Amino acid sequence: YMQKGCSKEDASTIMSIMMKYRELFVDHKMVLQHGVLPQDGGQWEAIKQGAVCFVSFIVFGLVPVAGFVLQYLFRKATDDLLDTLLFTYSFTALTLFGMGCTKAKLTGQGGCLMSGAVMVFNGTIAGGAAFVIGELLTTAF
């Protein structure tokens, strides 16, 4: 604390008070020396966040596949690749837009339309890149 500008007496007072509260002292030192913020909720909070992330990844990762399934069920199978891609892309883009709006509402950052549009744009770039790479690899091998 003296390196931060405290007098020796004040630094000693701060340390003697903080040493009485072990958890507070450890948390404070972790932030001060290592920049590591204390975690709220402990181990179970991290497990819960991981489980929510995993389930979200699975559910939203299946959306493009669900587009193909829905097309097969309601529009019947077609050999027209463009028709299939447009239907599946529309279904996926609508879901991405909803995710963007939800993100905007939950985080309070930006408007629903802008956040949804950015999410659709990012998803389009990522999905398009994956599609092109897959087509290139299919052609190459």
N, C-alpha and C. Protein backbone atom coordinates (compact mmCIF):
# COMPACT_ATOMS: atom_id res chain seq x y z
N TYR A 1 0.81 -1.20 0.00
CA TYR A 1 0.00 0.00 0.00
C TYR A 1 0.85 1.25 0.00
N MET A 2 2.05 1.11 0.55
CA MET A 2 2.96 2.26 0.55
C MET A 2 3.38 2.59 -0.88
N GLN A 3 3.47 1.57 -1.76
CA GLN A 3 3.79 1.81 -3.17
C GLN A 3 2.67 2.56 -3.88
N LYS A 4 1.47 2.49 -3.32
CA LYS A 4 0.32 3.18 -3.90
C LYS A 4 0.14 4.57 -3.30
N GLY A 5 1.03 4.96 -2.40
CA GLY A 5 0.99 6.32 -1.86
C GLY A 5 0.54 6.43 -0.42
N CYS A 6 0.26 5.32 0.25
CA CYS A 6 -0.16 5.37 1.65
C CYS A 6 1.07 5.54 2.54
N SER A 7 0.86 6.20 3.67
CA SER A 7 1.95 6.28 4.65
C SER A 7 2.12 4.92 5.30
N LYS A 8 3.25 4.72 5.94
CA LYS A 8 3.51 3.43 6.59
C LYS A 8 2.47 3.12 7.65
N GLU A 9 2.07 4.14 8.39
CA GLU A 9 1.09 3.97 9.45
C GLU A 9 -0.28 3.59 8.88
N ASP A 10 -0.71 4.27 7.80
CA ASP A 10 -2.00 3.95 7.18
C ASP A 10 -1.97 2.56 6.54
N ALA A 11 -0.87 2.21 5.89
CA ALA A 11 -0.75 0.88 5.28
C ALA A 11 -0.83 -0.20 6.35
N SER A 12 -0.20 0.04 7.47
CA SER A 12 -0.24 -0.91 8.59
C SER A 12 -1.66 -1.05 9.13
N THR A 13 -2.37 0.06 9.23
CA THR A 13 -3.75 0.04 9.71
C THR A 13 -4.65 -0.75 8.75
N ILE A 14 -4.49 -0.46 7.46
CA ILE A 14 -5.29 -1.18 6.46
C ILE A 14 -5.04 -2.67 6.56
N MET A 15 -3.78 -3.06 6.63
CA MET A 15 -3.42 -4.48 6.68
C MET A 15 -3.94 -5.14 7.96
N SER A 16 -3.83 -4.46 9.08
CA SER A 16 -4.27 -5.07 10.34
C SER A 16 -5.78 -5.27 10.35
N ILE A 17 -6.52 -4.35 9.75
CA ILE A 17 -7.98 -4.51 9.69
C ILE A 17 -8.35 -5.63 8.71
N MET A 18 -7.73 -5.62 7.54
CA MET A 18 -8.08 -6.61 6.53
C MET A 18 -7.68 -8.02 6.95
N MET A 19 -6.63 -8.17 7.72
CA MET A 19 -6.18 -9.50 8.15
C MET A 19 -7.21 -10.16 9.07
N LYS A 20 -8.08 -9.38 9.68
CA LYS A 20 -9.12 -9.95 10.53
C LYS A 20 -10.18 -10.69 9.71
N TYR A 21 -10.31 -10.32 8.43
CA TYR A 21 -11.32 -10.87 7.56
C TYR A 21 -10.63 -11.59 6.40
N ARG A 22 -10.33 -12.86 6.63
CA ARG A 22 -9.50 -13.64 5.69
C ARG A 22 -10.05 -13.62 4.25
N GLU A 23 -11.34 -13.90 4.07
CA GLU A 23 -11.90 -13.97 2.72
C GLU A 23 -11.82 -12.61 2.02
N LEU A 24 -12.13 -11.56 2.76
CA LEU A 24 -12.02 -10.20 2.19
C LEU A 24 -10.58 -9.90 1.81
N PHE A 25 -9.65 -10.29 2.66
CA PHE A 25 -8.24 -10.03 2.41
C PHE A 25 -7.76 -10.77 1.16
N VAL A 26 -8.12 -12.04 1.05
CA VAL A 26 -7.70 -12.84 -0.10
C VAL A 26 -8.30 -12.28 -1.39
N ASP A 27 -9.61 -11.96 -1.36
CA ASP A 27 -10.25 -11.38 -2.54
C ASP A 27 -9.59 -10.07 -2.94
N HIS A 28 -9.32 -9.23 -1.97
CA HIS A 28 -8.70 -7.93 -2.24
C HIS A 28 -7.29 -8.09 -2.83
N LYS A 29 -6.52 -9.00 -2.29
CA LYS A 29 -5.16 -9.22 -2.80
C LYS A 29 -5.19 -9.81 -4.21
N MET A 30 -6.15 -10.70 -4.48
CA MET A 30 -6.26 -11.28 -5.83
C MET A 30 -6.57 -10.20 -6.86
N VAL A 31 -7.45 -9.26 -6.49
CA VAL A 31 -7.78 -8.17 -7.41
C VAL A 31 -6.59 -7.24 -7.55
N LEU A 32 -5.98 -6.88 -6.45
CA LEU A 32 -4.89 -5.91 -6.45
C LEU A 32 -3.64 -6.44 -7.16
N GLN A 33 -3.26 -7.67 -6.89
CA GLN A 33 -2.01 -8.20 -7.43
C GLN A 33 -2.17 -8.90 -8.77
N HIS A 34 -3.31 -9.56 -8.99
CA HIS A 34 -3.46 -10.38 -10.18
C HIS A 34 -4.59 -9.95 -11.11
N GLY A 35 -5.40 -8.99 -10.67
CA GLY A 35 -6.52 -8.55 -11.49
C GLY A 35 -7.64 -9.57 -11.60
N VAL A 36 -7.70 -10.51 -10.68
CA VAL A 36 -8.72 -11.57 -10.70
C VAL A 36 -9.86 -11.15 -9.78
N LEU A 37 -11.05 -10.99 -10.37
CA LEU A 37 -12.22 -10.60 -9.58
C LEU A 37 -12.80 -11.81 -8.87
N PRO A 38 -13.32 -11.62 -7.66
CA PRO A 38 -13.92 -12.75 -6.94
C PRO A 38 -15.18 -13.21 -7.66
N GLN A 39 -15.44 -14.51 -7.58
CA GLN A 39 -16.59 -15.10 -8.26
C GLN A 39 -17.76 -15.19 -7.30
N ASP A 40 -18.92 -14.68 -7.73
CA ASP A 40 -20.13 -14.78 -6.93
C ASP A 40 -20.72 -16.17 -7.10
N GLY A 41 -21.14 -16.77 -6.03
CA GLY A 41 -21.81 -18.06 -6.12
C GLY A 41 -20.89 -19.26 -6.06
N GLY A 42 -19.61 -19.06 -6.17
CA GLY A 42 -18.66 -20.15 -6.05
C GLY A 42 -18.72 -21.14 -7.19
N GLN A 43 -18.39 -22.37 -6.88
CA GLN A 43 -18.28 -23.45 -7.87
C GLN A 43 -19.61 -23.74 -8.55
N TRP A 44 -20.70 -23.73 -7.81
CA TRP A 44 -22.00 -24.09 -8.40
C TRP A 44 -22.47 -23.05 -9.41
N GLU A 45 -22.11 -21.79 -9.20
CA GLU A 45 -22.47 -20.75 -10.16
C GLU A 45 -21.76 -20.99 -11.49
N ALA A 46 -20.50 -21.37 -11.43
CA ALA A 46 -19.75 -21.65 -12.65
C ALA A 46 -20.32 -22.87 -13.37
N ILE A 47 -20.71 -23.89 -12.63
CA ILE A 47 -21.29 -25.08 -13.23
C ILE A 47 -22.63 -24.74 -13.88
N LYS A 48 -23.43 -23.93 -13.19
CA LYS A 48 -24.73 -23.52 -13.74
C LYS A 48 -24.54 -22.71 -15.03
N GLN A 49 -23.61 -21.79 -15.04
CA GLN A 49 -23.35 -20.99 -16.24
C GLN A 49 -22.86 -21.87 -17.39
N GLY A 50 -22.01 -22.83 -17.07
CA GLY A 50 -21.54 -23.76 -18.09
C GLY A 50 -22.66 -24.61 -18.66
N ALA A 51 -23.56 -25.07 -17.81
CA ALA A 51 -24.69 -25.89 -18.27
C ALA A 51 -25.63 -25.08 -19.15
N VAL A 52 -25.91 -23.84 -18.76
CA VAL A 52 -26.78 -22.98 -19.58
C VAL A 52 -26.13 -22.72 -20.93
N CYS A 53 -24.84 -22.46 -20.94
CA CYS A 53 -24.12 -22.23 -22.19
C CYS A 53 -24.15 -23.47 -23.08
N PHE A 54 -23.96 -24.64 -22.50
CA PHE A 54 -23.97 -25.89 -23.25
C PHE A 54 -25.35 -26.15 -23.88
N VAL A 55 -26.40 -26.01 -23.07
CA VAL A 55 -27.75 -26.25 -23.57
C VAL A 55 -28.10 -25.24 -24.67
N SER A 56 -27.73 -23.98 -24.48
CA SER A 56 -27.98 -22.96 -25.51
C SER A 56 -27.25 -23.30 -26.80
N PHE A 57 -26.02 -23.74 -26.67
CA PHE A 57 -25.23 -24.11 -27.85
C PHE A 57 -25.90 -25.25 -28.61
N ILE A 58 -26.37 -26.25 -27.89
CA ILE A 58 -27.03 -27.40 -28.53
C ILE A 58 -28.34 -26.96 -29.19
N VAL A 59 -29.17 -26.25 -28.44
CA VAL A 59 -30.49 -25.86 -28.96
C VAL A 59 -30.34 -24.95 -30.19
N PHE A 60 -29.56 -23.88 -30.06
CA PHE A 60 -29.44 -22.95 -31.18
C PHE A 60 -28.56 -23.51 -32.30
N GLY A 61 -27.69 -24.44 -31.98
CA GLY A 61 -26.89 -25.09 -33.01
C GLY A 61 -27.72 -26.02 -33.89
N LEU A 62 -28.84 -26.49 -33.36
CA LEU A 62 -29.72 -27.37 -34.13
C LEU A 62 -30.72 -26.60 -35.00
N VAL A 63 -30.76 -25.29 -34.87
CA VAL A 63 -31.73 -24.49 -35.64
C VAL A 63 -31.56 -24.68 -37.15
N PRO A 64 -30.34 -24.60 -37.71
CA PRO A 64 -30.23 -24.82 -39.15
C PRO A 64 -30.70 -26.22 -39.58
N VAL A 65 -30.41 -27.22 -38.77
CA VAL A 65 -30.86 -28.58 -39.07
C VAL A 65 -32.39 -28.64 -39.01
N ALA A 66 -32.97 -27.94 -38.04
CA ALA A 66 -34.42 -27.91 -37.92
C ALA A 66 -35.05 -27.29 -39.17
N GLY A 67 -34.37 -26.34 -39.79
CA GLY A 67 -34.87 -25.77 -41.04
C GLY A 67 -35.00 -26.81 -42.12
N PHE A 68 -34.02 -27.67 -42.25
CA PHE A 68 -34.09 -28.76 -43.23
C PHE A 68 -35.23 -29.73 -42.90
N VAL A 69 -35.37 -30.05 -41.62
CA VAL A 69 -36.42 -30.97 -41.18
C VAL A 69 -37.80 -30.37 -41.46
N LEU A 70 -37.98 -29.09 -41.11
CA LEU A 70 -39.26 -28.44 -41.36
C LEU A 70 -39.59 -28.40 -42.85
N GLN A 71 -38.59 -28.13 -43.67
CA GLN A 71 -38.84 -28.11 -45.10
C GLN A 71 -39.28 -29.50 -45.58
N TYR A 72 -38.63 -30.50 -45.09
CA TYR A 72 -38.98 -31.86 -45.49
C TYR A 72 -40.41 -32.21 -45.05
N LEU A 73 -40.77 -31.83 -43.82
CA LEU A 73 -42.09 -32.18 -43.30
C LEU A 73 -43.23 -31.41 -43.98
N PHE A 74 -43.02 -30.11 -44.20
CA PHE A 74 -44.12 -29.27 -44.67
C PHE A 74 -44.07 -28.92 -46.15
N ARG A 75 -42.89 -28.92 -46.73
CA ARG A 75 -42.79 -28.54 -48.13
C ARG A 75 -42.34 -29.71 -48.99
N LYS A 76 -42.07 -30.80 -48.37
CA LYS A 76 -41.57 -32.01 -49.02
C LYS A 76 -40.17 -31.77 -49.60
N ALA A 77 -39.45 -32.84 -49.71
CA ALA A 77 -38.06 -32.76 -50.15
C ALA A 77 -37.98 -32.23 -51.58
N THR A 78 -36.95 -31.47 -51.83
CA THR A 78 -36.73 -30.93 -53.16
C THR A 78 -35.26 -31.09 -53.51
N ASP A 79 -34.98 -31.25 -54.78
CA ASP A 79 -33.60 -31.36 -55.21
C ASP A 79 -33.00 -29.99 -55.50
N ASP A 80 -33.81 -28.95 -55.42
CA ASP A 80 -33.34 -27.60 -55.69
C ASP A 80 -32.54 -27.09 -54.49
N LEU A 81 -31.23 -27.03 -54.63
CA LEU A 81 -30.35 -26.62 -53.54
C LEU A 81 -30.63 -25.18 -53.12
N LEU A 82 -30.86 -24.29 -54.07
CA LEU A 82 -31.12 -22.89 -53.76
C LEU A 82 -32.39 -22.74 -52.92
N ASP A 83 -33.44 -23.46 -53.29
CA ASP A 83 -34.68 -23.42 -52.54
C ASP A 83 -34.47 -23.89 -51.11
N THR A 84 -33.75 -24.97 -50.96
CA THR A 84 -33.46 -25.52 -49.63
C THR A 84 -32.65 -24.54 -48.80
N LEU A 85 -31.62 -23.96 -49.40
CA LEU A 85 -30.77 -23.02 -48.67
C LEU A 85 -31.53 -21.76 -48.26
N LEU A 86 -32.35 -21.24 -49.17
CA LEU A 86 -33.11 -20.03 -48.84
C LEU A 86 -34.10 -20.27 -47.71
N PHE A 87 -34.79 -21.41 -47.75
CA PHE A 87 -35.73 -21.73 -46.67
C PHE A 87 -35.00 -21.87 -45.34
N THR A 88 -33.92 -22.63 -45.34
CA THR A 88 -33.17 -22.86 -44.10
C THR A 88 -32.52 -21.57 -43.60
N TYR A 89 -31.98 -20.76 -44.53
CA TYR A 89 -31.37 -19.49 -44.13
C TYR A 89 -32.42 -18.57 -43.51
N SER A 90 -33.61 -18.50 -44.11
CA SER A 90 -34.66 -17.64 -43.58
C SER A 90 -35.04 -18.05 -42.16
N PHE A 91 -35.18 -19.34 -41.94
CA PHE A 91 -35.52 -19.85 -40.61
C PHE A 91 -34.41 -19.53 -39.61
N THR A 92 -33.17 -19.73 -40.03
CA THR A 92 -32.02 -19.46 -39.15
C THR A 92 -31.88 -17.96 -38.89
N ALA A 93 -32.05 -17.13 -39.92
CA ALA A 93 -31.92 -15.68 -39.75
C ALA A 93 -32.98 -15.15 -38.80
N LEU A 94 -34.19 -15.68 -38.90
CA LEU A 94 -35.25 -15.26 -37.98
C LEU A 94 -34.89 -15.60 -36.54
N THR A 95 -34.32 -16.77 -36.34
CA THR A 95 -33.89 -17.18 -34.99
C THR A 95 -32.75 -16.30 -34.50
N LEU A 96 -31.78 -16.03 -35.37
CA LEU A 96 -30.66 -15.16 -34.99
C LEU A 96 -31.15 -13.76 -34.63
N PHE A 97 -32.10 -13.25 -35.39
CA PHE A 97 -32.65 -11.93 -35.09
C PHE A 97 -33.31 -11.94 -33.71
N GLY A 98 -34.06 -12.98 -33.41
CA GLY A 98 -34.67 -13.10 -32.09
C GLY A 98 -33.63 -13.17 -30.98
N MET A 99 -32.54 -13.89 -31.24
CA MET A 99 -31.45 -13.95 -30.24
C MET A 99 -30.84 -12.57 -30.03
N GLY A 100 -30.65 -11.82 -31.12
CA GLY A 100 -30.09 -10.47 -31.01
C GLY A 100 -30.99 -9.54 -30.23
N CYS A 101 -32.29 -9.61 -30.48
CA CYS A 101 -33.25 -8.79 -29.73
C CYS A 101 -33.25 -9.17 -28.25
N THR A 102 -33.22 -10.46 -27.99
CA THR A 102 -33.18 -10.92 -26.60
C THR A 102 -31.92 -10.43 -25.90
N LYS A 103 -30.79 -10.51 -26.59
CA LYS A 103 -29.53 -10.02 -26.02
C LYS A 103 -29.63 -8.53 -25.69
N ALA A 104 -30.22 -7.75 -26.59
CA ALA A 104 -30.35 -6.31 -26.36
C ALA A 104 -31.23 -6.04 -25.15
N LYS A 105 -32.31 -6.78 -25.01
CA LYS A 105 -33.21 -6.58 -23.87
C LYS A 105 -32.55 -6.98 -22.55
N LEU A 106 -31.85 -8.12 -22.55
CA LEU A 106 -31.24 -8.61 -21.31
C LEU A 106 -30.05 -7.78 -20.85
N THR A 107 -29.27 -7.29 -21.80
CA THR A 107 -28.07 -6.54 -21.44
C THR A 107 -28.31 -5.04 -21.38
N GLY A 108 -29.42 -4.57 -21.97
CA GLY A 108 -29.70 -3.14 -21.97
C GLY A 108 -28.77 -2.36 -22.89
N GLN A 109 -28.13 -3.05 -23.83
CA GLN A 109 -27.19 -2.40 -24.75
C GLN A 109 -27.79 -2.34 -26.14
N GLY A 110 -27.96 -1.15 -26.65
CA GLY A 110 -28.43 -0.97 -28.01
C GLY A 110 -29.89 -1.30 -28.19
N GLY A 111 -30.39 -0.99 -29.38
CA GLY A 111 -31.78 -1.25 -29.69
C GLY A 111 -31.98 -2.66 -30.21
N CYS A 112 -33.21 -3.10 -30.14
CA CYS A 112 -33.55 -4.47 -30.57
C CYS A 112 -33.25 -4.67 -32.05
N LEU A 113 -33.64 -3.72 -32.89
CA LEU A 113 -33.45 -3.88 -34.33
C LEU A 113 -31.97 -3.94 -34.70
N MET A 114 -31.18 -3.05 -34.12
CA MET A 114 -29.75 -3.01 -34.44
C MET A 114 -29.05 -4.28 -33.95
N SER A 115 -29.35 -4.69 -32.73
CA SER A 115 -28.71 -5.88 -32.18
C SER A 115 -29.11 -7.12 -32.97
N GLY A 116 -30.38 -7.20 -33.37
CA GLY A 116 -30.83 -8.33 -34.17
C GLY A 116 -30.17 -8.35 -35.53
N ALA A 117 -30.03 -7.17 -36.15
CA ALA A 117 -29.39 -7.08 -37.47
C ALA A 117 -27.92 -7.48 -37.39
N VAL A 118 -27.24 -7.04 -36.36
CA VAL A 118 -25.82 -7.39 -36.19
C VAL A 118 -25.67 -8.91 -35.99
N MET A 119 -26.57 -9.49 -35.21
CA MET A 119 -26.51 -10.93 -34.98
C MET A 119 -26.74 -11.69 -36.28
N VAL A 120 -27.70 -11.25 -37.10
CA VAL A 120 -27.96 -11.89 -38.38
C VAL A 120 -26.74 -11.73 -39.30
N PHE A 121 -26.16 -10.55 -39.31
CA PHE A 121 -24.98 -10.31 -40.16
C PHE A 121 -23.83 -11.23 -39.75
N ASN A 122 -23.52 -11.27 -38.46
CA ASN A 122 -22.43 -12.13 -37.98
C ASN A 122 -22.71 -13.61 -38.27
N GLY A 123 -23.95 -14.03 -38.05
CA GLY A 123 -24.31 -15.42 -38.31
C GLY A 123 -24.23 -15.75 -39.79
N THR A 124 -24.60 -14.80 -40.64
CA THR A 124 -24.53 -15.01 -42.08
C THR A 124 -23.09 -15.17 -42.55
N ILE A 125 -22.22 -14.32 -42.04
CA ILE A 125 -20.79 -14.41 -42.40
C ILE A 125 -20.22 -15.75 -41.93
N ALA A 126 -20.50 -16.12 -40.68
CA ALA A 126 -19.96 -17.38 -40.14
C ALA A 126 -20.54 -18.59 -40.88
N GLY A 127 -21.84 -18.61 -41.09
CA GLY A 127 -22.46 -19.72 -41.79
C GLY A 127 -22.04 -19.80 -43.24
N GLY A 128 -21.93 -18.64 -43.88
CA GLY A 128 -21.48 -18.61 -45.28
C GLY A 128 -20.07 -19.12 -45.44
N ALA A 129 -19.21 -18.70 -44.52
CA ALA A 129 -17.82 -19.17 -44.56
C ALA A 129 -17.76 -20.69 -44.37
N ALA A 130 -18.53 -21.20 -43.42
CA ALA A 130 -18.55 -22.65 -43.19
C ALA A 130 -19.06 -23.39 -44.42
N PHE A 131 -20.10 -22.85 -45.07
CA PHE A 131 -20.65 -23.48 -46.26
C PHE A 131 -19.62 -23.51 -47.39
N VAL A 132 -18.96 -22.37 -47.62
CA VAL A 132 -17.97 -22.28 -48.70
C VAL A 132 -16.80 -23.22 -48.44
N ILE A 133 -16.32 -23.25 -47.22
CA ILE A 133 -15.21 -24.15 -46.88
C ILE A 133 -15.63 -25.61 -47.08
N GLY A 134 -16.85 -25.94 -46.65
CA GLY A 134 -17.35 -27.31 -46.86
C GLY A 134 -17.43 -27.66 -48.33
N GLU A 135 -17.93 -26.75 -49.15
CA GLU A 135 -18.01 -27.00 -50.58
C GLU A 135 -16.62 -27.15 -51.21
N LEU A 136 -15.68 -26.30 -50.78
CA LEU A 136 -14.32 -26.40 -51.30
C LEU A 136 -13.66 -27.73 -50.93
N LEU A 137 -13.87 -28.16 -49.68
CA LEU A 137 -13.30 -29.43 -49.25
C LEU A 137 -13.96 -30.60 -49.96
N THR A 138 -15.25 -30.51 -50.20
CA THR A 138 -15.95 -31.57 -50.93
C THR A 138 -15.42 -31.67 -52.35
N THR A 139 -15.20 -30.54 -52.97
CA THR A 139 -14.68 -30.50 -54.34
C THR A 139 -13.24 -31.01 -54.38
N ALA A 140 -12.46 -30.64 -53.38
CA ALA A 140 -11.04 -31.00 -53.37
C ALA A 140 -10.82 -32.48 -53.10
N PHE A 141 -11.69 -33.10 -52.34
CA PHE A 141 -11.48 -34.49 -51.97
C PHE A 141 -12.58 -35.35 -52.55
